[in-house]
Amino acid sequence: QVQLAESGGGSVQPGESLTLSCVFSGSIFSSYAMGWFRQAPGKEREFVAAISWSGLSTYYADSVKGRFTISRDNAKNTVYLQMNSLKPEDTAAYYCAADSSSRWREVEPDEYDYWGQGTQVTVSS
């Protein structure tokens, strides 16, 4: 059974950086496209970034493009989200997700098969 475990969240000031990690277990990691989503209180879960099986292709929401970087290490079964120049509006619970389909670059939560428990990111001065 696939399991995802996020870590790396925390409280930072605007302009600072954080790196989130998500460790995958229970199946062949390189067979899954991966994504990061976030959800702020009272809001719907929104797409942040996606990465293809090999890691060669990435896709970002406009709100994070140029500030966030998604990457993966298939040898370590881990996907990362490097977040730079953080803003208060980035405050949310961040979730990693795994997609077993033949497509990647999915932006709808329903397209993903497995989810982590989330890690909180708070950006405040």
C-alpha atoms as a PDB file:
ATOM      1  CA  GLN A   1       0.000   0.000   0.000  1.00  0.00           C
ATOM      2  CA  VAL A   2       1.340   3.378  -1.002  1.00  0.00           C
ATOM      3  CA  GLN A   3       2.131   5.767   1.808  1.00  0.00           C
ATOM      4  CA  LEU A   4       3.332   9.354   1.622  1.00  0.00           C
ATOM      5  CA  ALA A   5       4.919  11.249   4.475  1.00  0.00           C
ATOM      6  CA  GLU A   6       5.596  14.992   4.268  1.00  0.00           C
ATOM      7  CA  SER A   7       8.005  16.915   6.445  1.00  0.00           C
ATOM      8  CA  GLY A   8       9.774  20.257   6.532  1.00  0.00           C
ATOM      9  CA  GLY A   9       6.963  22.665   7.282  1.00  0.00           C
ATOM     10  CA  GLY A  10       7.297  25.444   9.796  1.00  0.00           C
ATOM     11  CA  SER A  11       6.875  29.116  10.563  1.00  0.00           C
ATOM     12  CA  VAL A  12       8.966  31.641   8.651  1.00  0.00           C
ATOM     13  CA  GLN A  13       8.998  35.340   7.904  1.00  0.00           C
ATOM     14  CA  PRO A  14       8.137  36.790   4.494  1.00  0.00           C
ATOM     15  CA  GLY A  15      10.996  36.445   2.047  1.00  0.00           C
ATOM     16  CA  GLU A  16      12.465  33.397   3.722  1.00  0.00           C
ATOM     17  CA  SER A  17      12.725  29.867   2.347  1.00  0.00           C
ATOM     18  CA  LEU A  18      11.615  26.363   3.250  1.00  0.00           C
ATOM     19  CA  THR A  19      12.083  22.967   1.668  1.00  0.00           C
ATOM     20  CA  LEU A  20       9.385  20.347   2.006  1.00  0.00           C
ATOM     21  CA  SER A  21      10.091  16.642   1.572  1.00  0.00           C
ATOM     22  CA  CYS A  22       7.740  13.766   0.873  1.00  0.00           C
ATOM     23  CA  VAL A  23       8.882  10.182   1.260  1.00  0.00           C
ATOM     24  CA  PHE A  24       7.052   7.566  -0.800  1.00  0.00           C
ATOM     25  CA  SER A  25       6.754   3.902   0.176  1.00  0.00           C
ATOM     26  CA  GLY A  26       4.801   0.796  -0.746  1.00  0.00           C
ATOM     27  CA  SER A  27       5.285   0.700  -4.508  1.00  0.00           C
ATOM     28  CA  ILE A  28       7.644   1.692  -7.313  1.00  0.00           C
ATOM     29  CA  PHE A  29       8.167   5.413  -6.887  1.00  0.00           C
ATOM     30  CA  SER A  30       9.356   6.032 -10.430  1.00  0.00           C
ATOM     31  CA  SER A  31       6.027   4.730 -11.742  1.00  0.00           C
ATOM     32  CA  TYR A  32       4.165   7.665 -10.216  1.00  0.00           C
ATOM     33  CA  ALA A  33       3.935  11.247 -11.285  1.00  0.00           C
ATOM     34  CA  MET A  34       3.931  13.450  -8.209  1.00  0.00           C
ATOM     35  CA  GLY A  35       2.318  16.687  -7.214  1.00  0.00           C
ATOM     36  CA  TRP A  36       2.180  19.211  -4.418  1.00  0.00           C
ATOM     37  CA  PHE A  37      -1.051  20.881  -3.344  1.00  0.00           C
ATOM     38  CA  ARG A  38      -1.928  23.280  -0.566  1.00  0.00           C
ATOM     39  CA  GLN A  39      -5.017  24.166   1.384  1.00  0.00           C
ATOM     40  CA  ALA A  40      -5.582  27.269   3.465  1.00  0.00           C
ATOM     41  CA  PRO A  41      -8.329  27.422   6.109  1.00  0.00           C
ATOM     42  CA  GLY A  42     -11.724  27.885   4.510  1.00  0.00           C
ATOM     43  CA  LYS A  43     -10.389  27.391   1.002  1.00  0.00           C
ATOM     44  CA  GLU A  44     -10.334  24.543  -1.453  1.00  0.00           C
ATOM     45  CA  ARG A  45      -7.228  22.469  -2.024  1.00  0.00           C
ATOM     46  CA  GLU A  46      -5.212  24.042  -4.824  1.00  0.00           C
ATOM     47  CA  PHE A  47      -2.531  22.792  -7.167  1.00  0.00           C
ATOM     48  CA  VAL A  48       1.018  24.007  -6.573  1.00  0.00           C
ATOM     49  CA  ALA A  49       3.388  21.936  -8.716  1.00  0.00           C
ATOM     50  CA  ALA A  50       3.756  18.633 -10.547  1.00  0.00           C
ATOM     51  CA  ILE A  51       6.675  16.547 -11.729  1.00  0.00           C
ATOM     52  CA  SER A  52       6.927  13.731 -14.231  1.00  0.00           C
ATOM     53  CA  TRP A  53       8.107  10.206 -13.474  1.00  0.00           C
ATOM     54  CA  SER A  54      11.722  10.869 -14.403  1.00  0.00           C
ATOM     55  CA  GLY A  55      11.778  14.366 -12.971  1.00  0.00           C
ATOM     56  CA  LEU A  56      12.733  15.914 -16.298  1.00  0.00           C
ATOM     57  CA  SER A  57       9.451  17.770 -16.666  1.00  0.00           C
ATOM     58  CA  THR A  58       7.817  20.106 -14.177  1.00  0.00           C
ATOM     59  CA  TYR A  59       4.736  22.323 -14.080  1.00  0.00           C
ATOM     60  CA  TYR A  60       3.732  25.109 -11.688  1.00  0.00           C
ATOM     61  CA  ALA A  61       0.763  27.149 -10.691  1.00  0.00           C
ATOM     62  CA  ASP A  62       1.152  30.757 -11.781  1.00  0.00           C
ATOM     63  CA  SER A  63       1.073  31.885  -8.154  1.00  0.00           C
ATOM     64  CA  VAL A  64       4.336  30.066  -7.338  1.00  0.00           C
ATOM     65  CA  LYS A  65       6.148  30.065 -10.685  1.00  0.00           C
ATOM     66  CA  GLY A  66       9.663  31.439 -10.309  1.00  0.00           C
ATOM     67  CA  ARG A  67       9.624  31.039  -6.508  1.00  0.00           C
ATOM     68  CA  PHE A  68       8.998  27.320  -5.948  1.00  0.00           C
ATOM     69  CA  THR A  69      10.886  24.358  -7.403  1.00  0.00           C
ATOM     70  CA  ILE A  70       9.664  20.781  -7.431  1.00  0.00           C
ATOM     71  CA  SER A  71      12.194  17.970  -7.769  1.00  0.00           C
ATOM     72  CA  ARG A  72      12.467  14.274  -7.091  1.00  0.00           C
ATOM     73  CA  ASP A  73      15.137  11.720  -6.247  1.00  0.00           C
ATOM     74  CA  ASN A  74      13.959   8.325  -7.452  1.00  0.00           C
ATOM     75  CA  ALA A  75      16.832   6.603  -5.653  1.00  0.00           C
ATOM     76  CA  LYS A  76      15.551   8.015  -2.355  1.00  0.00           C
ATOM     77  CA  ASN A  77      11.832   7.694  -3.142  1.00  0.00           C
ATOM     78  CA  THR A  78      11.456  11.358  -2.286  1.00  0.00           C
ATOM     79  CA  VAL A  79       9.880  14.417  -3.864  1.00  0.00           C
ATOM     80  CA  TYR A  80      10.820  17.921  -2.748  1.00  0.00           C
ATOM     81  CA  LEU A  81       9.322  21.384  -2.878  1.00  0.00           C
ATOM     82  CA  GLN A  82      11.841  24.179  -2.518  1.00  0.00           C
ATOM     83  CA  MET A  83       9.981  27.361  -1.598  1.00  0.00           C
ATOM     84  CA  ASN A  84      11.783  30.699  -1.865  1.00  0.00           C
ATOM     85  CA  SER A  85      10.612  34.272  -1.348  1.00  0.00           C
ATOM     86  CA  LEU A  86       7.699  33.080   0.727  1.00  0.00           C
ATOM     87  CA  LYS A  87       4.686  35.353   1.109  1.00  0.00           C
ATOM     88  CA  PRO A  88       1.932  35.437   3.736  1.00  0.00           C
ATOM     89  CA  GLU A  89      -0.480  34.141   1.094  1.00  0.00           C
ATOM     90  CA  ASP A  90       1.594  30.956   0.864  1.00  0.00           C
ATOM     91  CA  THR A  91       0.387  30.040   4.349  1.00  0.00           C
ATOM     92  CA  ALA A  92      -1.388  26.689   4.113  1.00  0.00           C
ATOM     93  CA  ALA A  93      -1.169  23.002   4.798  1.00  0.00           C
ATOM     94  CA  TYR A  94       0.934  21.458   2.030  1.00  0.00           C
ATOM     95  CA  TYR A  95       0.222  17.971   0.724  1.00  0.00           C
ATOM     96  CA  CYS A  96       2.121  15.704  -1.623  1.00  0.00           C
ATOM     97  CA  ALA A  97       0.182  13.387  -3.907  1.00  0.00           C
ATOM     98  CA  ALA A  98       0.937  10.445  -6.191  1.00  0.00           C
ATOM     99  CA  ASP A  99      -0.677   9.779  -9.573  1.00  0.00           C
ATOM    100  CA  SER A 100      -0.525   6.256 -11.017  1.00  0.00           C
ATOM    101  CA  SER A 101      -2.081   7.117 -14.371  1.00  0.00           C
ATOM    102  CA  SER A 102      -0.269   7.423 -17.684  1.00  0.00           C
ATOM    103  CA  ARG A 103      -0.591  11.194 -17.546  1.00  0.00           C
ATOM    104  CA  TRP A 104       1.204  13.743 -15.465  1.00  0.00           C
ATOM    105  CA  ARG A 105       0.782  17.482 -14.977  1.00  0.00           C
ATOM    106  CA  GLU A 106      -2.605  16.938 -13.407  1.00  0.00           C
ATOM    107  CA  VAL A 107      -3.942  19.961 -11.527  1.00  0.00           C
ATOM    108  CA  GLU A 108      -7.148  18.511 -10.117  1.00  0.00           C
ATOM    109  CA  PRO A 109      -6.913  16.739  -6.737  1.00  0.00           C
ATOM    110  CA  ASP A 110      -9.262  14.005  -7.949  1.00  0.00           C
ATOM    111  CA  GLU A 111      -6.650  12.880 -10.486  1.00  0.00           C
ATOM    112  CA  TYR A 112      -4.276  11.763  -7.738  1.00  0.00           C
ATOM    113  CA  ASP A 113      -4.532   8.381  -6.098  1.00  0.00           C
ATOM    114  CA  TYR A 114      -2.605   8.782  -2.849  1.00  0.00           C
ATOM    115  CA  TRP A 115      -2.064  11.646  -0.415  1.00  0.00           C
ATOM    116  CA  GLY A 116       0.147  12.441   2.498  1.00  0.00           C
ATOM    117  CA  GLN A 117      -1.075  13.787   5.812  1.00  0.00           C
ATOM    118  CA  GLY A 118       0.129  17.315   5.133  1.00  0.00           C
ATOM    119  CA  THR A 119       2.646  19.680   6.678  1.00  0.00           C
ATOM    120  CA  GLN A 120       1.852  23.219   7.818  1.00  0.00           C
ATOM    121  CA  VAL A 121       3.630  26.244   6.387  1.00  0.00           C
ATOM    122  CA  THR A 122       3.025  29.588   8.058  1.00  0.00           C
ATOM    123  CA  VAL A 123       4.476  32.802   6.659  1.00  0.00           C
ATOM    124  CA  SER A 124       4.076  35.773   8.967  1.00  0.00           C
ATOM    125  CA  SER A 125       6.014  38.733  10.243  1.00  0.00           C
END
